[in-house]
Amino acid sequence: MENSIVQEIVEKQVLTVAKAVEDKIDDEIAAIDRLDLDDLEALRERRLQQMKKMAEKRSRWISLGHGEYSEIPVEKDFFSIVKASDRVVCHFYRDNWPCKVMDKHLGILAKQHIETRFVKINAEKSPFLAEKLKIVVLPTLALIKNAKVDDYVVGFDELGGTDEFSTEELEERLAKCQVIFYDGESSINASKSNAQTRRSVRQSTRSDSSDSE
């Protein structure tokens, strides 16, 4: 008896949600139907302009070295790099294990977040910068926006206090400072999901081919 009552309640809730979704879709369809050809053309033109601007931004970012995790060879180059890009993550490092762990994660994020420049500089060979920015613990990430240091990630304390933190955890910490674009869903997970989807499609295709043979 109780099970049938629970089932009835659940069914009503499902129907209510389904009706709400259906109403929303109907409203969106109605809004599209109300658009005339001029409205559609204006929307299309605006979208094309947005895509063009984004393509221009991506080209500029790539020309500045975005999309790669690179080393600043000499101390004086630091200033021109941070002035050229709106968002920079700079890893002050030395040749030790913790810094190599940070390198691994930053190398991944550099490819995922092309809007931000990811670089590293040897702190021991950059005494002026290290003193000016008060770099003591290594690794330290200087999070730079509009040529000014906005925040720091010092060691692994904010990443669980261990070198076993995930790339996603570091990504979320950088997003907190808004030095990367982040909509709440990890770009790493999205890439993994896309890769899994592509593998599933390939496997399905191979399976279909085998069946047809």
Protein backbone atom coordinates (compact mmCIF):
# COMPACT_ATOMS: atom_id res chain seq x y z
CA MET A 1 0.00 0.00 0.00
CA GLU A 2 2.75 2.41 1.00
CA ASN A 3 4.75 1.53 -2.12
CA SER A 4 1.83 2.37 -4.39
CA ILE A 5 1.37 5.76 -2.67
CA VAL A 6 5.08 6.57 -3.02
CA GLN A 7 4.99 5.51 -6.67
CA GLU A 8 1.97 7.72 -7.30
CA ILE A 9 3.74 10.72 -5.71
CA VAL A 10 6.86 10.11 -7.77
CA GLU A 11 4.83 9.82 -10.98
CA LYS A 12 3.10 13.13 -10.24
CA GLN A 13 6.45 14.84 -9.63
CA VAL A 14 7.86 13.44 -12.88
CA LEU A 15 4.80 14.65 -14.79
CA THR A 16 5.11 18.11 -13.21
CA VAL A 17 8.78 18.40 -14.21
CA ALA A 18 8.06 17.09 -17.70
CA LYS A 19 5.25 19.63 -18.12
CA ALA A 20 7.53 22.48 -17.00
CA VAL A 21 10.23 21.42 -19.48
CA GLU A 22 7.66 21.08 -22.25
CA ASP A 23 6.27 24.56 -21.52
CA LYS A 24 9.77 26.05 -21.63
CA ILE A 25 10.50 24.41 -24.98
CA ASP A 26 7.14 25.63 -26.33
CA ASP A 27 8.00 29.18 -25.24
CA GLU A 28 11.39 29.01 -26.96
CA ILE A 29 9.82 27.67 -30.16
CA ALA A 30 7.20 30.42 -30.04
CA ALA A 31 9.93 33.06 -29.61
CA ILE A 32 11.76 31.69 -32.67
CA ASP A 33 8.50 31.63 -34.67
CA ARG A 34 7.96 35.32 -33.87
CA LEU A 35 11.32 36.26 -35.41
CA ASP A 36 11.15 37.56 -38.95
CA LEU A 37 13.88 37.20 -41.57
CA ASP A 38 15.49 40.51 -40.59
CA ASP A 39 15.73 39.40 -36.94
CA LEU A 40 17.28 36.08 -37.94
CA GLU A 41 19.77 37.82 -40.23
CA ALA A 42 20.71 40.25 -37.43
CA LEU A 43 21.25 37.35 -35.02
CA ARG A 44 23.34 35.52 -37.60
CA GLU A 45 25.46 38.62 -38.28
CA ARG A 46 25.99 39.23 -34.55
CA ARG A 47 27.03 35.61 -34.06
CA LEU A 48 29.46 35.80 -36.98
CA GLN A 49 31.03 38.95 -35.52
CA GLN A 50 31.42 37.25 -32.14
CA MET A 51 33.08 34.24 -33.78
CA LYS A 52 35.39 36.54 -35.76
CA LYS A 53 36.45 38.43 -32.63
CA MET A 54 37.11 35.18 -30.78
CA ALA A 55 39.18 33.84 -33.69
CA GLU A 56 41.23 37.07 -33.68
CA LYS A 57 41.77 36.75 -29.92
CA ARG A 58 42.90 33.15 -30.25
CA SER A 59 45.36 34.09 -33.00
CA ARG A 60 46.79 36.86 -30.86
CA TRP A 61 47.05 34.60 -27.81
CA ILE A 62 48.86 31.93 -29.79
CA SER A 63 51.27 34.52 -31.25
CA LEU A 64 52.12 35.54 -27.66
CA GLY A 65 52.91 31.97 -26.64
CA HIS A 66 49.59 31.02 -25.07
CA GLY A 67 48.65 27.34 -25.26
CA GLU A 68 52.14 26.25 -24.20
CA TYR A 69 53.92 26.07 -20.86
CA SER A 70 57.28 27.73 -21.42
CA GLU A 71 60.27 28.94 -19.43
CA ILE A 72 61.34 32.57 -19.13
CA PRO A 73 65.07 32.33 -19.94
CA VAL A 74 66.24 35.58 -18.37
CA GLU A 75 64.81 37.68 -15.55
CA LYS A 76 64.28 40.86 -17.58
CA ASP A 77 61.95 39.05 -20.02
CA PHE A 78 59.41 38.63 -17.20
CA PHE A 79 58.25 42.24 -17.50
CA SER A 80 57.56 42.20 -21.25
CA ILE A 81 55.67 38.91 -20.93
CA VAL A 82 53.33 40.07 -18.17
CA LYS A 83 52.67 43.34 -20.01
CA ALA A 84 51.80 41.56 -23.27
CA SER A 85 49.10 39.24 -21.81
CA ASP A 86 46.11 40.16 -19.65
CA ARG A 87 46.37 36.95 -17.61
CA VAL A 88 49.61 35.20 -16.66
CA VAL A 89 50.38 32.30 -14.32
CA CYS A 90 54.09 32.37 -13.44
CA HIS A 91 55.66 29.43 -11.60
CA PHE A 92 58.70 30.35 -9.52
CA TYR A 93 60.59 27.09 -9.26
CA ARG A 94 63.79 25.33 -8.43
CA ASP A 95 64.97 21.90 -9.58
CA ASN A 96 63.15 19.75 -7.02
CA TRP A 97 60.32 17.22 -6.89
CA PRO A 98 57.49 19.53 -5.71
CA CYS A 99 58.20 21.95 -8.55
CA LYS A 100 58.22 19.10 -11.07
CA VAL A 101 54.78 18.05 -9.79
CA MET A 102 53.54 21.61 -10.36
CA ASP A 103 55.11 21.60 -13.84
CA LYS A 104 53.06 18.55 -14.81
CA HIS A 105 49.74 20.17 -13.87
CA LEU A 106 50.59 23.55 -15.42
CA GLY A 107 51.58 21.87 -18.68
CA ILE A 108 48.08 20.37 -18.88
CA LEU A 109 46.30 23.59 -17.95
CA ALA A 110 48.29 25.67 -20.45
CA LYS A 111 46.79 23.63 -23.30
CA GLN A 112 43.28 23.78 -21.84
CA HIS A 113 43.24 27.51 -21.04
CA ILE A 114 44.58 29.30 -24.10
CA GLU A 115 43.23 32.60 -22.73
CA THR A 116 46.04 32.62 -20.13
CA ARG A 117 49.82 32.60 -20.52
CA PHE A 118 51.53 29.89 -18.44
CA VAL A 119 55.25 30.36 -17.76
CA LYS A 120 57.93 29.41 -15.26
CA ILE A 121 61.12 31.06 -14.08
CA ASN A 122 63.99 29.74 -11.99
CA ALA A 123 63.74 31.61 -8.69
CA GLU A 124 67.38 31.00 -7.77
CA LYS A 125 68.49 32.65 -11.02
CA SER A 126 66.07 35.56 -10.58
CA PRO A 127 67.07 37.17 -7.27
CA PHE A 128 65.65 40.61 -8.09
CA LEU A 129 62.19 39.24 -8.94
CA ALA A 130 62.18 36.80 -6.03
CA GLU A 131 62.94 39.60 -3.59
CA LYS A 132 60.55 42.10 -5.20
CA LEU A 133 57.65 39.63 -5.19
CA LYS A 134 58.64 38.16 -1.81
CA ILE A 135 59.05 34.62 -3.14
CA VAL A 136 60.24 32.39 -0.28
CA VAL A 137 58.56 28.99 -0.60
CA LEU A 138 58.98 26.99 -3.80
CA PRO A 139 56.94 26.24 -5.75
CA THR A 140 55.04 29.53 -5.74
CA LEU A 141 52.63 30.61 -8.46
CA ALA A 142 52.25 34.32 -9.08
CA LEU A 143 48.78 34.97 -10.53
CA ILE A 144 49.05 38.10 -12.63
CA LYS A 145 46.25 40.16 -14.16
CA ASN A 146 46.79 43.31 -16.20
CA ALA A 147 50.53 43.31 -15.40
CA LYS A 148 49.95 43.23 -11.62
CA VAL A 149 50.32 40.30 -9.21
CA ASP A 150 46.79 39.69 -7.94
CA ASP A 151 47.35 36.56 -5.83
CA TYR A 152 49.76 33.76 -4.99
CA VAL A 153 49.55 29.99 -4.64
CA VAL A 154 52.30 29.17 -2.16
CA GLY A 155 53.40 25.55 -1.96
CA PHE A 156 50.64 22.95 -1.75
CA ASP A 157 48.83 24.23 1.36
CA GLU A 158 45.77 25.34 -0.61
CA LEU A 159 45.82 22.15 -2.66
CA GLY A 160 45.29 19.69 0.18
CA GLY A 161 48.82 19.98 1.61
CA THR A 162 50.06 17.07 -0.51
CA ASP A 163 51.75 16.59 -3.87
CA GLU A 164 48.93 14.22 -4.84
CA PHE A 165 46.47 17.03 -5.67
CA SER A 166 44.63 16.81 -8.99
CA THR A 167 44.88 19.14 -11.98
CA GLU A 168 41.20 19.96 -11.41
CA GLU A 169 41.94 21.20 -7.89
CA LEU A 170 44.63 23.52 -9.19
CA GLU A 171 42.30 24.66 -11.98
CA GLU A 172 39.63 25.59 -9.43
CA ARG A 173 42.17 27.52 -7.36
CA LEU A 174 43.28 29.54 -10.39
CA ALA A 175 39.64 30.17 -11.28
CA LYS A 176 39.04 31.57 -7.80
CA CYS A 177 41.41 34.41 -8.70
CA GLN A 178 39.81 34.65 -12.18
CA VAL A 179 43.17 34.28 -13.86
CA ILE A 180 41.54 31.64 -16.12
CA PHE A 181 38.09 31.40 -17.69
CA TYR A 182 36.02 28.86 -15.78
CA ASP A 183 32.27 28.16 -15.88
CA GLY A 184 32.16 25.69 -13.02
CA GLU A 185 32.87 22.61 -15.13
CA SER A 186 36.46 21.49 -15.38
CA SER A 187 37.85 21.72 -18.89
CA ILE A 188 39.92 18.66 -18.03
CA ASN A 189 36.82 16.58 -17.32
CA ALA A 190 35.15 17.95 -20.44
CA SER A 191 38.12 16.89 -22.55
CA LYS A 192 38.12 13.43 -20.97
CA SER A 193 34.38 13.13 -21.63
CA ASN A 194 34.86 14.13 -25.26
CA ALA A 195 37.68 11.62 -25.63
CA GLN A 196 35.52 8.88 -24.11
CA THR A 197 32.68 9.81 -26.46
CA ARG A 198 35.01 9.62 -29.46
CA ARG A 199 36.28 6.23 -28.30
CA SER A 200 32.71 4.99 -27.88
CA VAL A 201 31.83 6.19 -31.38
CA ARG A 202 34.90 4.46 -32.85
CA GLN A 203 34.13 1.25 -30.98
CA SER A 204 30.51 1.38 -32.10
CA THR A 205 31.61 1.96 -35.70
CA ARG A 206 34.01 -0.98 -35.55
CA SER A 207 31.29 -3.13 -34.04
CA ASP A 208 28.83 -2.17 -36.79
CA SER A 209 31.47 -2.95 -39.43
CA SER A 210 32.08 -6.38 -37.89
CA ASP A 211 28.36 -7.11 -37.85
CA SER A 212 27.97 -6.11 -41.49
CA GLU A 213 30.83 -8.41 -42.45
